[in-house]
């Protein structure tokens, strides 16, 4: 999670607090998709909310397996 926060801080010029809030909001919504079994939704969410490729899901959700398109 910390690596993604650093990426957002550097790329988007966010403070630590702002980047942490964005990642935390993503995590809450991602858990909802995971609970419903919607792996496509999780992949779309990281691209839309954080502007990151699905590869970064491994940093945020260790052990979560997903299929790339």
PDB file of N, CA and C in Angstrom:
ATOM      1  N   UNK A   1       0.828  -1.194   0.000  1.00  0.00           N
ATOM      2  CA  UNK A   1       0.000   0.000   0.000  1.00  0.00           C
ATOM      3  C   UNK A   1       0.872   1.258   0.000  1.00  0.00           C
ATOM      4  N   UNK A   2       1.946   1.218   0.769  1.00  0.00           N
ATOM      5  CA  UNK A   2       2.815   2.398   0.861  1.00  0.00           C
ATOM      6  C   UNK A   2       3.440   2.756  -0.482  1.00  0.00           C
ATOM      7  N   UNK A   3       3.772   1.741  -1.274  1.00  0.00           N
ATOM      8  CA  UNK A   3       4.373   2.003  -2.586  1.00  0.00           C
ATOM      9  C   UNK A   3       3.379   2.721  -3.498  1.00  0.00           C
ATOM     10  N   UNK A   4       2.139   2.314  -3.460  1.00  0.00           N
ATOM     11  CA  UNK A   4       1.105   2.963  -4.270  1.00  0.00           C
ATOM     12  C   UNK A   4       0.883   4.396  -3.786  1.00  0.00           C
ATOM     13  N   UNK A   5       0.897   4.602  -2.501  1.00  0.00           N
ATOM     14  CA  UNK A   5       0.766   5.963  -1.954  1.00  0.00           C
ATOM     15  C   UNK A   5       1.904   6.837  -2.464  1.00  0.00           C
ATOM     16  N   UNK A   6       3.115   6.319  -2.447  1.00  0.00           N
ATOM     17  CA  UNK A   6       4.270   7.078  -2.948  1.00  0.00           C
ATOM     18  C   UNK A   6       4.120   7.411  -4.427  1.00  0.00           C
ATOM     19  N   UNK A   7       3.597   6.463  -5.197  1.00  0.00           N
ATOM     20  CA  UNK A   7       3.383   6.704  -6.632  1.00  0.00           C
ATOM     21  C   UNK A   7       2.390   7.842  -6.827  1.00  0.00           C
ATOM     22  N   UNK A   8       1.290   7.808  -6.102  1.00  0.00           N
ATOM     23  CA  UNK A   8       0.283   8.870  -6.224  1.00  0.00           C
ATOM     24  C   UNK A   8       0.834  10.219  -5.778  1.00  0.00           C
ATOM     25  N   UNK A   9       1.621  10.210  -4.722  1.00  0.00           N
ATOM     26  CA  UNK A   9       2.214  11.459  -4.238  1.00  0.00           C
ATOM     27  C   UNK A   9       3.124  12.062  -5.305  1.00  0.00           C
ATOM     28  N   UNK A  10       3.945  11.228  -5.904  1.00  0.00           N
ATOM     29  CA  UNK A  10       4.901  11.698  -6.913  1.00  0.00           C
ATOM     30  C   UNK A  10       4.178  12.096  -8.203  1.00  0.00           C
ATOM     31  N   UNK A  11       3.316  11.221  -8.683  1.00  0.00           N
ATOM     32  CA  UNK A  11       2.656  11.445  -9.976  1.00  0.00           C
ATOM     33  C   UNK A  11       1.640  12.580  -9.919  1.00  0.00           C
ATOM     34  N   UNK A  12       0.814  12.591  -8.863  1.00  0.00           N
ATOM     35  CA  UNK A  12      -0.291  13.542  -8.782  1.00  0.00           C
ATOM     36  C   UNK A  12      -0.019  14.734  -7.866  1.00  0.00           C
ATOM     37  N   UNK A  13       1.190  14.769  -7.317  1.00  0.00           N
ATOM     38  CA  UNK A  13       1.579  15.866  -6.412  1.00  0.00           C
ATOM     39  C   UNK A  13       0.628  15.968  -5.216  1.00  0.00           C
ATOM     40  N   UNK A  14       0.268  14.806  -4.648  1.00  0.00           N
ATOM     41  CA  UNK A  14      -0.609  14.766  -3.490  1.00  0.00           C
ATOM     42  C   UNK A  14       0.212  14.721  -2.212  1.00  0.00           C
ATOM     43  N   UNK A  15      -0.377  15.177  -1.142  1.00  0.00           N
ATOM     44  CA  UNK A  15       0.243  14.995   0.163  1.00  0.00           C
ATOM     45  C   UNK A  15       0.065  13.541   0.567  1.00  0.00           C
ATOM     46  N   UNK A  16       0.798  13.119   1.592  1.00  0.00           N
ATOM     47  CA  UNK A  16       0.644  11.751   2.073  1.00  0.00           C
ATOM     48  C   UNK A  16      -0.802  11.508   2.491  1.00  0.00           C
ATOM     49  N   UNK A  17      -1.374  12.457   3.197  1.00  0.00           N
ATOM     50  CA  UNK A  17      -2.742  12.319   3.699  1.00  0.00           C
ATOM     51  C   UNK A  17      -3.744  12.180   2.553  1.00  0.00           C
ATOM     52  N   UNK A  18      -3.585  12.977   1.500  1.00  0.00           N
ATOM     53  CA  UNK A  18      -4.483  12.907   0.352  1.00  0.00           C
ATOM     54  C   UNK A  18      -4.353  11.565  -0.380  1.00  0.00           C
ATOM     55  N   UNK A  19      -3.117  11.131  -0.601  1.00  0.00           N
ATOM     56  CA  UNK A  19      -2.883   9.861  -1.291  1.00  0.00           C
ATOM     57  C   UNK A  19      -3.412   8.698  -0.463  1.00  0.00           C
ATOM     58  N   UNK A  20      -3.181   8.746   0.845  1.00  0.00           N
ATOM     59  CA  UNK A  20      -3.680   7.697   1.739  1.00  0.00           C
ATOM     60  C   UNK A  20      -5.203   7.627   1.678  1.00  0.00           C
ATOM     61  N   UNK A  21      -5.853   8.786   1.650  1.00  0.00           N
ATOM     62  CA  UNK A  21      -7.315   8.824   1.588  1.00  0.00           C
ATOM     63  C   UNK A  21      -7.821   8.209   0.286  1.00  0.00           C
ATOM     64  N   UNK A  22      -7.156   8.493  -0.827  1.00  0.00           N
ATOM     65  CA  UNK A  22      -7.567   7.924  -2.107  1.00  0.00           C
ATOM     66  C   UNK A  22      -7.418   6.407  -2.111  1.00  0.00           C
ATOM     67  N   UNK A  23      -6.289   5.930  -1.616  1.00  0.00           N
ATOM     68  CA  UNK A  23      -6.050   4.485  -1.582  1.00  0.00           C
ATOM     69  C   UNK A  23      -7.031   3.813  -0.619  1.00  0.00           C
ATOM     70  N   UNK A  24      -7.284   4.427   0.510  1.00  0.00           N
ATOM     71  CA  UNK A  24      -8.232   3.862   1.475  1.00  0.00           C
ATOM     72  C   UNK A  24      -9.632   3.766   0.897  1.00  0.00           C
ATOM     73  N   UNK A  25     -10.059   4.801   0.190  1.00  0.00           N
ATOM     74  CA  UNK A  25     -11.378   4.781  -0.446  1.00  0.00           C
ATOM     75  C   UNK A  25     -11.435   3.678  -1.502  1.00  0.00           C
ATOM     76  N   UNK A  26     -10.358   3.533  -2.261  1.00  0.00           N
ATOM     77  CA  UNK A  26     -10.294   2.452  -3.245  1.00  0.00           C
ATOM     78  C   UNK A  26     -10.435   1.098  -2.561  1.00  0.00           C
ATOM     79  N   UNK A  27      -9.721   0.906  -1.461  1.00  0.00           N
ATOM     80  CA  UNK A  27      -9.726  -0.381  -0.764  1.00  0.00           C
ATOM     81  C   UNK A  27     -11.137  -0.754  -0.280  1.00  0.00           C
ATOM     82  N   UNK A  28     -11.858   0.217   0.235  1.00  0.00           N
ATOM     83  CA  UNK A  28     -13.223  -0.041   0.713  1.00  0.00           C
ATOM     84  C   UNK A  28     -14.102  -0.490  -0.448  1.00  0.00           C
ATOM     85  N   UNK A  29     -14.042   0.239  -1.546  1.00  0.00           N
ATOM     86  CA  UNK A  29     -14.873  -0.100  -2.698  1.00  0.00           C
ATOM     87  C   UNK A  29     -14.427  -1.423  -3.330  1.00  0.00           C
ATOM     88  N   UNK A  30     -13.121  -1.666  -3.373  1.00  0.00           N
ATOM     89  CA  UNK A  30     -12.597  -2.922  -3.936  1.00  0.00           C
ATOM     90  C   UNK A  30     -13.099  -4.113  -3.140  1.00  0.00           C
ATOM     91  N   UNK A  31     -13.158  -3.982  -1.823  1.00  0.00           N
ATOM     92  CA  UNK A  31     -13.646  -5.075  -0.987  1.00  0.00           C
ATOM     93  C   UNK A  31     -15.103  -5.411  -1.298  1.00  0.00           C
ATOM     94  N   UNK A  32     -15.880  -4.403  -1.648  1.00  0.00           N
ATOM     95  CA  UNK A  32     -17.274  -4.637  -2.029  1.00  0.00           C
ATOM     96  C   UNK A  32     -17.345  -5.449  -3.322  1.00  0.00           C
ATOM     97  N   UNK A  33     -16.508  -5.100  -4.287  1.00  0.00           N
ATOM     98  CA  UNK A  33     -16.463  -5.860  -5.542  1.00  0.00           C
ATOM     99  C   UNK A  33     -16.003  -7.293  -5.289  1.00  0.00           C
ATOM    100  N   UNK A  34     -14.987  -7.449  -4.462  1.00  0.00           N
ATOM    101  CA  UNK A  34     -14.463  -8.783  -4.154  1.00  0.00           C
ATOM    102  C   UNK A  34     -15.543  -9.631  -3.486  1.00  0.00           C
ATOM    103  N   UNK A  35     -16.252  -9.037  -2.547  1.00  0.00           N
ATOM    104  CA  UNK A  35     -17.303  -9.771  -1.833  1.00  0.00           C
ATOM    105  C   UNK A  35     -18.402 -10.252  -2.777  1.00  0.00           C
ATOM    106  N   UNK A  36     -18.632  -9.483  -3.839  1.00  0.00           N
ATOM    107  CA  UNK A  36     -19.664  -9.875  -4.804  1.00  0.00           C
ATOM    108  C   UNK A  36     -19.105 -10.741  -5.932  1.00  0.00           C
ATOM    109  N   UNK A  37     -17.786 -11.002  -5.908  1.00  0.00           N
ATOM    110  CA  UNK A  37     -17.164 -11.852  -6.927  1.00  0.00           C
ATOM    111  C   UNK A  37     -16.906 -11.153  -8.246  1.00  0.00           C
ATOM    112  N   UNK A  38     -16.875  -9.837  -8.249  1.00  0.00           N
ATOM    113  CA  UNK A  38     -16.711  -9.056  -9.478  1.00  0.00           C
ATOM    114  C   UNK A  38     -15.259  -8.625  -9.673  1.00  0.00           C
ATOM    115  N   UNK A  39     -14.442  -9.520 -10.224  1.00  0.00           N
ATOM    116  CA  UNK A  39     -13.030  -9.188 -10.415  1.00  0.00           C
ATOM    117  C   UNK A  39     -12.844  -8.137 -11.507  1.00  0.00           C
ATOM    118  N   UNK A  40     -13.721  -8.126 -12.513  1.00  0.00           N
ATOM    119  CA  UNK A  40     -13.628  -7.091 -13.544  1.00  0.00           C
ATOM    120  C   UNK A  40     -13.851  -5.709 -12.929  1.00  0.00           C
ATOM    121  N   UNK A  41     -14.772  -5.635 -11.983  1.00  0.00           N
ATOM    122  CA  UNK A  41     -15.042  -4.365 -11.314  1.00  0.00           C
ATOM    123  C   UNK A  41     -13.839  -3.847 -10.551  1.00  0.00           C
ATOM    124  N   UNK A  42     -13.098  -4.754  -9.917  1.00  0.00           N
ATOM    125  CA  UNK A  42     -11.897  -4.359  -9.168  1.00  0.00           C
ATOM    126  C   UNK A  42     -10.853  -3.805 -10.126  1.00  0.00           C
ATOM    127  N   UNK A  43     -10.682  -4.465 -11.259  1.00  0.00           N
ATOM    128  CA  UNK A  43      -9.698  -4.019 -12.242  1.00  0.00           C
ATOM    129  C   UNK A  43     -10.070  -2.656 -12.818  1.00  0.00           C
ATOM    130  N   UNK A  44     -11.344  -2.470 -13.128  1.00  0.00           N
ATOM    131  CA  UNK A  44     -11.798  -1.182 -13.646  1.00  0.00           C
ATOM    132  C   UNK A  44     -11.655  -0.093 -12.589  1.00  0.00           C
ATOM    133  N   UNK A  45     -11.940  -0.450 -11.354  1.00  0.00           N
ATOM    134  CA  UNK A  45     -11.873   0.509 -10.255  1.00  0.00           C
ATOM    135  C   UNK A  45     -10.467   1.076 -10.074  1.00  0.00           C
ATOM    136  N   UNK A  46      -9.455   0.212 -10.109  1.00  0.00           N
ATOM    137  CA  UNK A  46      -8.093   0.719  -9.903  1.00  0.00           C
ATOM    138  C   UNK A  46      -7.676   1.639 -11.044  1.00  0.00           C
ATOM    139  N   UNK A  47      -8.155   1.330 -12.246  1.00  0.00           N
ATOM    140  CA  UNK A  47      -7.826   2.190 -13.385  1.00  0.00           C
ATOM    141  C   UNK A  47      -8.554   3.526 -13.296  1.00  0.00           C
ATOM    142  N   UNK A  48      -9.826   3.492 -12.900  1.00  0.00           N
ATOM    143  CA  UNK A  48     -10.627   4.719 -12.834  1.00  0.00           C
ATOM    144  C   UNK A  48     -10.282   5.576 -11.616  1.00  0.00           C
ATOM    145  N   UNK A  49     -10.222   4.952 -10.445  1.00  0.00           N
ATOM    146  CA  UNK A  49     -10.033   5.717  -9.208  1.00  0.00           C
ATOM    147  C   UNK A  49      -8.593   6.150  -8.979  1.00  0.00           C
ATOM    148  N   UNK A  50      -7.650   5.267  -9.295  1.00  0.00           N
ATOM    149  CA  UNK A  50      -6.252   5.573  -8.997  1.00  0.00           C
ATOM    150  C   UNK A  50      -5.411   5.821 -10.244  1.00  0.00           C
ATOM    151  N   UNK A  51      -5.955   5.526 -11.410  1.00  0.00           N
ATOM    152  CA  UNK A  51      -5.203   5.726 -12.644  1.00  0.00           C
ATOM    153  C   UNK A  51      -4.036   4.768 -12.787  1.00  0.00           C
ATOM    154  N   UNK A  52      -4.180   3.567 -12.229  1.00  0.00           N
ATOM    155  CA  UNK A  52      -3.120   2.564 -12.261  1.00  0.00           C
ATOM    156  C   UNK A  52      -3.591   1.326 -12.999  1.00  0.00           C
ATOM    157  N   UNK A  53      -2.645   0.623 -13.592  1.00  0.00           N
ATOM    158  CA  UNK A  53      -2.940  -0.637 -14.270  1.00  0.00           C
ATOM    159  C   UNK A  53      -3.297  -1.706 -13.235  1.00  0.00           C
ATOM    160  N   UNK A  54      -4.048  -2.720 -13.636  1.00  0.00           N
ATOM    161  CA  UNK A  54      -4.430  -3.793 -12.714  1.00  0.00           C
ATOM    162  C   UNK A  54      -3.241  -4.519 -12.080  1.00  0.00           C
ATOM    163  N   UNK A  55      -2.060  -4.429 -12.681  1.00  0.00           N
ATOM    164  CA  UNK A  55      -0.868  -5.048 -12.085  1.00  0.00           C
ATOM    165  C   UNK A  55      -0.642  -4.574 -10.651  1.00  0.00           C
ATOM    166  N   UNK A  56      -1.045  -3.354 -10.363  1.00  0.00           N
ATOM    167  CA  UNK A  56      -0.822  -2.777  -9.033  1.00  0.00           C
ATOM    168  C   UNK A  56      -1.747  -3.362  -7.971  1.00  0.00           C
ATOM    169  N   UNK A  57      -2.746  -4.134  -8.394  1.00  0.00           N
ATOM    170  CA  UNK A  57      -3.629  -4.767  -7.416  1.00  0.00           C
ATOM    171  C   UNK A  57      -2.862  -5.671  -6.469  1.00  0.00           C
ATOM    172  N   UNK A  58      -1.806  -6.298  -6.963  1.00  0.00           N
ATOM    173  CA  UNK A  58      -1.015  -7.192  -6.112  1.00  0.00           C
ATOM    174  C   UNK A  58      -0.389  -6.444  -4.940  1.00  0.00           C
ATOM    175  N   UNK A  59      -0.062  -5.172  -5.136  1.00  0.00           N
ATOM    176  CA  UNK A  59       0.508  -4.367  -4.053  1.00  0.00           C
ATOM    177  C   UNK A  59      -0.547  -4.006  -3.016  1.00  0.00           C
ATOM    178  N   UNK A  60      -1.764  -3.818  -3.482  1.00  0.00           N
ATOM    179  CA  UNK A  60      -2.833  -3.370  -2.589  1.00  0.00           C
ATOM    180  C   UNK A  60      -3.628  -4.517  -1.984  1.00  0.00           C
ATOM    181  N   UNK A  61      -3.731  -5.597  -2.738  1.00  0.00           N
ATOM    182  CA  UNK A  61      -4.544  -6.734  -2.294  1.00  0.00           C
ATOM    183  C   UNK A  61      -3.714  -8.010  -2.410  1.00  0.00           C
ATOM    184  N   UNK A  62      -2.721  -8.176  -1.542  1.00  0.00           N
ATOM    185  CA  UNK A  62      -1.856  -9.365  -1.636  1.00  0.00           C
ATOM    186  C   UNK A  62      -2.680 -10.648  -1.621  1.00  0.00           C
ATOM    187  N   UNK A  63      -2.321 -11.557  -2.510  1.00  0.00           N
ATOM    188  CA  UNK A  63      -3.006 -12.818  -2.563  1.00  0.00           C
ATOM    189  C   UNK A  63      -4.267 -12.812  -3.408  1.00  0.00           C
ATOM    190  N   UNK A  64      -4.681 -11.634  -3.853  1.00  0.00           N
ATOM    191  CA  UNK A  64      -5.872 -11.553  -4.693  1.00  0.00           C
ATOM    192  C   UNK A  64      -5.486 -11.941  -6.106  1.00  0.00           C
ATOM    193  N   UNK A  65      -6.151 -12.924  -6.664  1.00  0.00           N
ATOM    194  CA  UNK A  65      -5.863 -13.332  -8.036  1.00  0.00           C
ATOM    195  C   UNK A  65      -6.889 -12.736  -8.960  1.00  0.00           C
ATOM    196  N   UNK A  66      -6.434 -12.303 -10.103  1.00  0.00           N
ATOM    197  CA  UNK A  66      -7.318 -11.704 -11.084  1.00  0.00           C
ATOM    198  C   UNK A  66      -6.809 -12.055 -12.472  1.00  0.00           C
ATOM    199  N   UNK A  67      -7.691 -11.960 -13.425  1.00  0.00           N
ATOM    200  CA  UNK A  67      -7.360 -12.243 -14.815  1.00  0.00           C
ATOM    201  C   UNK A  67      -7.281 -10.915 -15.565  1.00  0.00           C
ATOM    202  N   UNK A  68      -6.192 -10.696 -16.276  1.00  0.00           N
ATOM    203  CA  UNK A  68      -6.117  -9.521 -17.135  1.00  0.00           C
ATOM    204  C   UNK A  68      -6.930  -9.782 -18.381  1.00  0.00           C
ATOM    205  N   UNK A  69      -7.433  -8.724 -18.977  1.00  0.00           N
ATOM    206  CA  UNK A  69      -8.290  -8.861 -20.163  1.00  0.00           C
ATOM    207  C   UNK A  69      -7.559  -9.565 -21.270  1.00  0.00           C
TER     208      UNK A  69
END
